N, C-alpha and C. Protein backbone atom coordinates (compact mmCIF):
# COMPACT_ATOMS: atom_id res chain seq x y z
N MET A 1 -5.58 62.37 78.57
CA MET A 1 -6.89 62.30 78.51
C MET A 1 -7.63 62.79 79.81
N ASN A 2 -7.10 62.98 80.86
CA ASN A 2 -7.87 63.60 81.84
C ASN A 2 -8.30 65.06 81.46
N GLU A 3 -7.70 65.77 80.66
CA GLU A 3 -8.59 67.37 80.17
C GLU A 3 -9.14 66.57 79.29
N VAL A 4 -9.98 65.56 78.77
CA VAL A 4 -11.48 65.33 77.90
C VAL A 4 -11.92 65.05 78.83
N GLY A 5 -11.80 64.09 80.10
CA GLY A 5 -12.82 64.07 81.19
C GLY A 5 -13.34 64.89 82.11
N ILE A 6 -12.62 66.04 81.93
CA ILE A 6 -12.52 67.40 82.74
C ILE A 6 -13.50 67.98 81.71
N LEU A 7 -13.54 68.25 80.41
CA LEU A 7 -14.31 69.02 79.31
C LEU A 7 -15.44 68.22 79.45
N LEU A 8 -15.43 67.38 79.19
CA LEU A 8 -16.98 66.23 79.16
C LEU A 8 -17.77 66.42 80.57
N LYS A 9 -17.07 66.55 81.51
CA LYS A 9 -17.61 66.77 82.99
C LYS A 9 -18.29 67.93 83.29
N SER A 10 -17.96 69.08 82.58
CA SER A 10 -17.86 70.24 82.10
C SER A 10 -19.37 70.91 81.70
N MET A 11 -19.43 70.14 80.78
CA MET A 11 -20.38 70.36 79.91
C MET A 11 -21.66 69.89 80.38
N ILE A 12 -21.74 68.72 81.57
CA ILE A 12 -22.99 68.21 82.36
C ILE A 12 -23.74 69.49 82.85
N PRO A 13 -24.70 69.63 82.58
CA PRO A 13 -25.54 71.07 83.38
C PRO A 13 -25.52 70.22 84.57
N VAL A 14 -25.54 71.06 85.81
CA VAL A 14 -26.05 71.46 87.31
C VAL A 14 -27.14 71.63 87.22
N LYS A 15 -27.95 71.14 88.57
CA LYS A 15 -28.80 70.99 89.04
C LYS A 15 -29.70 72.28 88.75
N LEU A 16 -28.66 73.72 88.66
CA LEU A 16 -29.53 74.83 88.86
C LEU A 16 -29.78 75.42 87.65
N GLU A 17 -28.90 74.84 86.50
CA GLU A 17 -28.62 75.01 85.18
C GLU A 17 -29.76 74.18 84.36
N LEU A 18 -30.56 73.09 85.11
CA LEU A 18 -31.38 72.40 84.52
C LEU A 18 -32.75 73.00 85.16
N GLU A 19 -32.71 73.32 86.38
CA GLU A 19 -34.03 74.12 86.69
C GLU A 19 -34.30 75.33 85.87
N VAL A 20 -33.29 76.46 85.85
CA VAL A 20 -33.21 78.09 85.34
C VAL A 20 -33.89 77.62 84.02
N GLY A 21 -32.98 76.61 83.42
CA GLY A 21 -33.08 76.59 81.71
C GLY A 21 -34.81 75.69 81.71
N GLY A 22 -35.06 75.01 82.57
CA GLY A 22 -36.54 74.54 82.83
C GLY A 22 -37.62 75.32 82.37
N LEU A 23 -37.33 76.41 83.74
CA LEU A 23 -37.97 77.68 83.73
C LEU A 23 -38.06 78.60 82.56
N VAL A 24 -37.14 78.85 81.71
CA VAL A 24 -36.63 79.67 80.95
C VAL A 24 -37.88 78.99 80.01
N ALA A 25 -38.08 78.21 79.63
CA ALA A 25 -38.23 77.25 78.63
C ALA A 25 -39.87 77.15 78.56
N ILE A 26 -40.38 77.28 80.03
CA ILE A 26 -41.80 77.19 80.42
C ILE A 26 -42.29 78.38 80.17
N ILE A 27 -41.59 79.84 80.61
CA ILE A 27 -42.06 80.87 80.53
C ILE A 27 -41.99 81.08 79.03
N GLY A 28 -41.15 80.86 77.77
CA GLY A 28 -40.67 81.10 77.04
C GLY A 28 -42.19 79.83 75.74
N THR A 29 -42.54 79.15 76.51
CA THR A 29 -43.68 78.28 75.46
C THR A 29 -45.09 78.99 75.73
N ILE A 30 -45.15 79.76 77.36
CA ILE A 30 -46.31 80.38 77.73
C ILE A 30 -46.69 81.25 76.79
N ILE A 31 -45.59 82.32 77.01
CA ILE A 31 -45.59 83.54 76.00
C ILE A 31 -46.16 83.19 74.84
N HIS A 32 -45.46 82.24 73.90
CA HIS A 32 -45.43 81.98 72.70
C HIS A 32 -46.87 81.37 72.19
N TYR A 33 -47.38 80.68 73.22
CA TYR A 33 -48.43 80.62 73.21
C TYR A 33 -49.98 81.45 73.16
N PHE A 34 -49.66 82.35 74.18
CA PHE A 34 -50.77 83.71 74.25
C PHE A 34 -50.43 84.96 73.39
N LEU A 35 -49.07 84.56 72.91
CA LEU A 35 -48.57 86.36 72.03
C LEU A 35 -48.31 85.96 70.62
N GLY A 36 -48.21 84.49 70.38
CA GLY A 36 -48.13 83.75 69.06
C GLY A 36 -46.39 83.81 68.90
N GLN A 37 -46.13 83.90 67.18
CA GLN A 37 -45.04 83.94 66.90
C GLN A 37 -44.15 85.14 66.96
N TRP A 38 -42.38 84.84 68.46
CA TRP A 38 -41.84 86.24 68.28
C TRP A 38 -41.86 87.26 67.23
N THR A 39 -42.38 88.41 67.09
CA THR A 39 -41.74 89.28 65.51
C THR A 39 -41.15 90.51 65.96
N PRO A 40 -40.52 91.07 65.24
CA PRO A 40 -39.85 92.44 65.34
C PRO A 40 -41.20 93.41 65.60
N LEU A 41 -41.85 93.20 65.09
CA LEU A 41 -43.15 93.98 65.71
C LEU A 41 -43.73 93.90 67.30
N LEU A 42 -43.55 93.14 68.00
CA LEU A 42 -43.88 92.38 69.38
C LEU A 42 -42.80 92.86 70.12
N GLU A 43 -41.95 92.65 69.54
CA GLU A 43 -40.66 93.09 70.62
C GLU A 43 -40.59 94.87 70.21
N THR A 44 -41.22 95.25 68.88
CA THR A 44 -40.85 96.82 69.44
C THR A 44 -41.82 97.28 70.16
N LEU A 45 -43.08 96.91 70.14
CA LEU A 45 -44.38 97.16 70.85
C LEU A 45 -44.08 96.77 72.47
N ILE A 46 -43.31 96.06 73.08
CA ILE A 46 -42.56 95.54 74.16
C ILE A 46 -41.72 96.73 74.46
N ILE A 47 -40.77 97.15 73.58
CA ILE A 47 -39.41 97.92 73.91
C ILE A 47 -40.62 99.22 74.30
N PHE A 48 -41.46 99.59 73.37
CA PHE A 48 -41.99 101.17 73.44
C PHE A 48 -43.01 101.09 74.81
N MET A 49 -43.74 99.78 75.02
CA MET A 49 -44.18 100.08 76.45
C MET A 49 -42.98 100.35 77.81
N LEU A 50 -41.88 99.51 77.58
CA LEU A 50 -40.79 100.15 78.75
C LEU A 50 -40.48 100.89 78.86
N PHE A 51 -40.06 101.99 77.34
CA PHE A 51 -39.79 103.23 77.21
C PHE A 51 -40.52 104.20 77.84
N ASP A 52 -42.17 103.90 77.55
CA ASP A 52 -42.90 104.80 78.16
C ASP A 52 -42.69 104.68 79.42
N TYR A 53 -43.08 103.64 80.18
CA TYR A 53 -42.99 103.52 81.71
C TYR A 53 -41.74 104.17 82.13
N ILE A 54 -40.51 104.22 81.39
CA ILE A 54 -39.36 105.24 82.09
C ILE A 54 -40.01 106.37 81.99
N THR A 55 -40.05 106.85 80.65
CA THR A 55 -40.05 108.39 80.56
C THR A 55 -41.37 108.70 81.46
N GLY A 56 -42.12 107.88 81.40
CA GLY A 56 -43.33 108.84 82.54
C GLY A 56 -42.70 109.28 83.70
N VAL A 57 -42.08 107.72 84.40
CA VAL A 57 -41.45 108.24 85.72
C VAL A 57 -40.21 109.07 85.65
N MET A 58 -39.40 109.67 84.50
CA MET A 58 -38.64 110.64 84.81
C MET A 58 -39.63 111.68 84.54
N SER A 59 -40.52 111.87 83.85
CA SER A 59 -41.25 113.06 83.08
C SER A 59 -41.85 113.52 84.97
N ALA A 60 -42.31 112.84 85.64
CA ALA A 60 -42.94 113.16 86.62
C ALA A 60 -41.67 113.37 87.76
N TRP A 61 -40.91 112.97 87.68
CA TRP A 61 -39.33 113.41 88.58
C TRP A 61 -38.92 114.48 88.14
N ILE A 62 -38.76 114.64 86.56
CA ILE A 62 -38.15 115.89 86.66
C ILE A 62 -38.92 117.24 86.48
N ASN A 63 -40.24 117.34 86.21
CA ASN A 63 -41.22 118.03 86.12
C ASN A 63 -41.32 118.98 87.09
N PRO A 64 -41.29 120.07 88.11
CA PRO A 64 -42.16 120.51 89.05
C PRO A 64 -43.19 120.43 89.08
N TYR A 65 -44.00 120.35 88.41
CA TYR A 65 -45.40 120.49 88.25
C TYR A 65 -46.58 119.00 88.07
N LYS A 66 -45.57 118.01 88.08
CA LYS A 66 -45.85 116.51 88.67
C LYS A 66 -44.95 116.26 89.87
N LYS A 67 -45.44 115.29 90.36
CA LYS A 67 -44.78 114.27 91.49
C LYS A 67 -44.85 112.77 90.90
N LEU A 68 -43.98 112.21 91.54
CA LEU A 68 -44.00 110.81 91.40
C LEU A 68 -44.98 110.19 92.24
N ASP A 69 -45.88 109.34 91.41
CA ASP A 69 -46.89 108.63 92.60
C ASP A 69 -47.05 107.04 92.03
N SER A 70 -47.26 106.09 93.31
CA SER A 70 -47.34 104.82 93.01
C SER A 70 -48.04 104.14 92.09
N ARG A 71 -49.52 105.34 92.97
CA ARG A 71 -50.48 104.68 92.14
C ARG A 71 -50.89 104.91 90.75
N LYS A 72 -50.38 105.94 90.23
CA LYS A 72 -50.04 106.18 88.65
C LYS A 72 -49.37 105.00 88.35
N GLY A 73 -47.95 104.78 88.62
CA GLY A 73 -47.49 103.98 87.89
C GLY A 73 -47.81 103.16 87.90
N MET A 74 -48.43 102.44 89.32
CA MET A 74 -49.26 100.96 88.97
C MET A 74 -50.48 100.92 88.21
N ASN A 75 -50.90 102.02 87.86
CA ASN A 75 -52.28 102.30 86.98
C ASN A 75 -51.60 101.90 85.46
N GLY A 76 -50.42 102.57 85.81
CA GLY A 76 -49.71 102.75 83.94
C GLY A 76 -49.26 101.14 83.73
N LEU A 77 -48.71 100.56 84.72
CA LEU A 77 -48.60 99.25 84.66
C LEU A 77 -49.57 98.21 83.83
N LYS A 78 -50.99 98.77 84.76
CA LYS A 78 -51.94 98.06 84.42
C LYS A 78 -52.13 98.05 82.90
N ARG A 79 -52.40 99.40 82.55
CA ARG A 79 -52.83 99.59 81.22
C ARG A 79 -51.49 98.30 80.15
N LYS A 80 -50.48 98.59 80.60
CA LYS A 80 -49.61 97.79 80.05
C LYS A 80 -50.16 96.61 79.38
N GLY A 81 -50.58 96.14 80.90
CA GLY A 81 -51.12 94.20 80.81
C GLY A 81 -52.00 94.24 79.75
N VAL A 82 -53.33 95.68 80.03
CA VAL A 82 -54.50 95.28 79.17
C VAL A 82 -53.97 95.40 77.75
N ILE A 83 -52.77 95.93 77.53
CA ILE A 83 -52.37 96.34 76.22
C ILE A 83 -51.92 94.91 75.68
N LEU A 84 -51.41 94.25 76.35
CA LEU A 84 -51.13 92.38 75.92
C LEU A 84 -52.01 91.91 76.39
N ILE A 85 -53.02 92.13 76.83
CA ILE A 85 -54.05 91.48 76.67
C ILE A 85 -54.85 91.48 75.55
N MET A 86 -54.82 92.89 74.86
CA MET A 86 -55.55 92.96 73.41
C MET A 86 -54.23 92.39 72.60
N VAL A 87 -53.33 92.58 72.73
CA VAL A 87 -52.73 91.62 71.50
C VAL A 87 -53.03 90.04 71.42
N MET A 88 -53.69 89.49 72.86
CA MET A 88 -53.62 88.08 73.00
C MET A 88 -54.62 87.86 71.61
N VAL A 89 -55.72 88.83 72.18
CA VAL A 89 -56.72 88.59 71.58
C VAL A 89 -57.07 88.63 70.26
N GLY A 90 -56.14 89.11 69.99
CA GLY A 90 -55.71 89.56 68.57
C GLY A 90 -55.13 88.19 68.10
N HIS A 91 -54.30 87.45 68.85
CA HIS A 91 -53.49 86.32 68.46
C HIS A 91 -54.52 85.29 68.14
N PHE A 92 -55.61 85.01 69.46
CA PHE A 92 -56.69 83.80 69.26
C PHE A 92 -57.44 84.28 67.99
N PHE A 93 -57.77 85.29 67.89
CA PHE A 93 -58.53 85.22 66.84
C PHE A 93 -58.14 85.29 65.57
N ASP A 94 -56.69 85.39 65.13
CA ASP A 94 -56.19 85.19 63.76
C ASP A 94 -56.29 83.79 64.14
N ASN A 95 -55.98 82.67 64.99
CA ASN A 95 -55.87 81.35 65.20
C ASN A 95 -57.56 80.54 64.81
N ALA A 96 -58.27 81.55 65.45
CA ALA A 96 -59.95 81.09 65.03
C ALA A 96 -60.32 81.29 63.42
N ILE A 97 -59.55 82.15 62.85
CA ILE A 97 -60.06 82.27 61.56
C ILE A 97 -58.96 81.69 60.04
N GLY A 98 -57.99 81.35 61.35
CA GLY A 98 -57.25 80.41 60.28
C GLY A 98 -56.36 81.48 59.60
N GLN A 99 -55.99 82.48 60.00
CA GLN A 99 -54.77 83.43 59.52
C GLN A 99 -53.75 83.71 60.19
N ASN A 100 -52.84 84.11 59.31
CA ASN A 100 -51.60 84.07 60.18
C ASN A 100 -50.81 85.41 61.16
N THR A 101 -51.05 86.52 61.34
CA THR A 101 -50.83 87.31 62.05
C THR A 101 -51.47 88.86 61.86
N MET A 102 -52.28 88.60 60.92
CA MET A 102 -52.94 90.21 60.93
C MET A 102 -53.44 90.70 61.69
N THR A 103 -54.31 90.32 62.27
CA THR A 103 -55.35 91.22 63.57
C THR A 103 -54.14 91.24 64.27
N ARG A 104 -53.68 90.52 64.92
CA ARG A 104 -52.67 90.62 65.97
C ARG A 104 -51.76 91.82 65.48
N ASP A 105 -51.01 91.71 64.09
CA ASP A 105 -50.11 93.39 64.32
C ASP A 105 -51.13 94.43 63.66
N ILE A 106 -52.21 94.11 63.34
CA ILE A 106 -52.99 95.62 63.46
C ILE A 106 -53.50 96.12 65.11
N VAL A 107 -53.46 95.05 65.89
CA VAL A 107 -53.89 95.48 67.10
C VAL A 107 -52.21 96.02 67.40
N ALA A 108 -50.97 95.55 67.19
CA ALA A 108 -49.67 95.86 67.74
C ALA A 108 -49.62 97.22 67.24
N LEU A 109 -49.75 97.21 66.06
CA LEU A 109 -49.40 98.25 65.46
C LEU A 109 -49.91 99.56 66.20
N PHE A 110 -51.49 99.37 66.20
CA PHE A 110 -52.52 100.53 66.72
C PHE A 110 -51.77 101.07 68.13
N TYR A 111 -51.40 99.81 68.78
CA TYR A 111 -50.83 100.31 70.37
C TYR A 111 -49.30 101.05 70.26
N LEU A 112 -48.29 100.75 69.23
CA LEU A 112 -46.93 100.91 68.79
C LEU A 112 -47.45 102.43 68.56
N GLY A 113 -48.19 102.70 68.08
CA GLY A 113 -48.13 104.21 67.62
C GLY A 113 -49.08 105.00 69.29
N ASN A 114 -49.94 104.19 70.09
CA ASN A 114 -50.01 105.07 71.04
C ASN A 114 -48.67 105.00 71.81
N GLU A 115 -48.30 103.90 72.15
CA GLU A 115 -46.94 104.28 73.10
C GLU A 115 -46.10 105.64 72.55
N GLY A 116 -45.90 105.20 71.48
CA GLY A 116 -45.17 106.25 70.27
C GLY A 116 -45.30 107.50 71.06
N LEU A 117 -46.80 107.99 70.83
CA LEU A 117 -46.83 109.27 70.95
C LEU A 117 -46.51 109.86 72.63
N SER A 118 -47.39 108.60 73.25
CA SER A 118 -46.82 108.82 74.93
C SER A 118 -45.55 109.14 75.69
N ILE A 119 -44.59 108.16 74.64
CA ILE A 119 -43.14 108.52 75.10
C ILE A 119 -42.68 109.96 74.41
N LEU A 120 -43.18 110.63 73.23
CA LEU A 120 -43.00 112.03 72.85
C LEU A 120 -43.18 112.77 73.85
N GLU A 121 -44.64 112.94 74.05
CA GLU A 121 -45.41 113.25 75.52
C GLU A 121 -44.40 113.59 76.77
N ASN A 122 -44.19 112.53 77.02
CA ASN A 122 -43.49 112.06 78.31
C ASN A 122 -41.57 112.94 78.20
N VAL A 123 -41.56 112.91 76.74
CA VAL A 123 -40.16 113.67 76.60
C VAL A 123 -40.58 115.53 76.59
N ALA A 124 -41.47 115.23 76.27
CA ALA A 124 -41.52 116.87 76.11
C ALA A 124 -42.05 117.17 77.39
N ASN A 125 -43.13 116.97 78.36
CA ASN A 125 -42.93 117.08 79.62
C ASN A 125 -41.64 117.14 80.64
N CYS A 126 -40.52 116.30 79.90
CA CYS A 126 -39.39 116.22 80.40
C CYS A 126 -38.69 117.71 80.41
N GLY A 127 -38.92 118.52 79.45
CA GLY A 127 -38.25 119.82 78.76
C GLY A 127 -37.67 119.21 77.72
N VAL A 128 -37.14 118.43 77.01
CA VAL A 128 -36.38 118.08 75.70
C VAL A 128 -37.27 118.59 75.10
N PRO A 129 -36.45 119.14 73.93
CA PRO A 129 -37.02 119.90 72.64
C PRO A 129 -37.28 118.83 71.86
N VAL A 130 -38.78 119.21 71.30
CA VAL A 130 -39.61 118.15 70.20
C VAL A 130 -39.96 119.17 69.18
N PRO A 131 -39.71 118.49 67.97
CA PRO A 131 -40.01 119.24 66.68
C PRO A 131 -41.53 119.48 66.84
N ASN A 132 -41.81 121.05 66.06
CA ASN A 132 -43.28 121.39 66.14
C ASN A 132 -44.55 120.57 65.70
N LYS A 133 -44.06 119.75 64.54
CA LYS A 133 -45.25 118.94 63.86
C LYS A 133 -45.47 118.19 64.84
N LEU A 134 -44.77 117.17 65.86
CA LEU A 134 -44.70 116.61 66.83
C LEU A 134 -45.39 117.26 68.02
N LYS A 135 -45.35 118.23 68.06
CA LYS A 135 -46.01 118.93 69.14
C LYS A 135 -47.24 119.12 68.85
N ASP A 136 -47.78 119.64 67.63
CA ASP A 136 -48.94 120.01 67.20
C ASP A 136 -49.70 118.26 67.45
N LYS A 137 -48.78 117.29 66.93
CA LYS A 137 -49.85 115.91 67.12
C LYS A 137 -49.67 115.59 68.49
N LEU A 138 -48.89 115.96 69.37
CA LEU A 138 -49.21 115.86 70.90
C LEU A 138 -50.23 116.76 71.41
N ALA A 139 -50.34 117.95 70.50
CA ALA A 139 -51.81 118.52 71.57
C ALA A 139 -52.84 118.15 71.09
N GLN A 140 -52.80 117.66 69.63
CA GLN A 140 -53.91 117.22 69.31
C GLN A 140 -54.66 115.72 70.43
N PHE A 141 -53.29 115.02 70.45
CA PHE A 141 -53.51 114.06 71.06
C PHE A 141 -54.06 113.87 72.71
N ALA A 142 -53.26 114.83 73.30
CA ALA A 142 -53.49 115.38 74.84
C ALA A 142 -55.15 115.84 74.60
N ASP A 143 -55.73 116.43 73.76
CA ASP A 143 -56.91 116.93 73.56
C ASP A 143 -57.93 115.94 73.22
N ASP A 144 -57.65 115.19 72.80
CA ASP A 144 -58.38 113.65 72.57
C ASP A 144 -58.73 113.04 73.72
N LYS A 145 -57.58 112.90 74.20
CA LYS A 145 -57.27 112.03 75.78
C LYS A 145 -58.21 112.86 76.54
N THR A 146 -58.35 114.30 76.66
CA THR A 146 -58.84 115.04 77.72
C THR A 146 -60.57 114.91 77.18
N THR A 147 -60.81 114.56 76.18
CA THR A 147 -62.22 115.01 75.69
C THR A 147 -63.11 113.35 76.00
N ARG A 148 -61.95 112.17 76.00
CA ARG A 148 -62.65 110.80 76.16
C ARG A 148 -62.43 110.76 77.58
N ASN A 149 -61.80 111.56 78.30
CA ASN A 149 -62.05 111.01 80.13
C ASN A 149 -63.13 112.13 80.77
């Protein structure tokens, strides 16, 4: 009988568990409100954003013609924030016109492709071999970036 009491007592959450659980629930609710339903597409976009940032830092660290710059890193994080804001705009637009997630998904797919190209560019700058077709696409993408700026 004492073992059952110990088991039941261990199942009751302590104050820290309640606080952490409550905080995670609040953050999850806020994210769901602003970004909509968590989908594999949204998860992939966020993972690509993380990979892009990591490969960008590694590119600046490995490539002798580049150097680590905290301002560039901070600007990259700000850009990631703006991308998430655009996904939020797509989500709220979908809500306003009463459709599922079509606009949000289109926005997310656009930025997913953009992040993928940026990852490939960073990997190429690290000296890792990239297939010729991808190099050609990267060169075209880099030309588009320089003509826009």
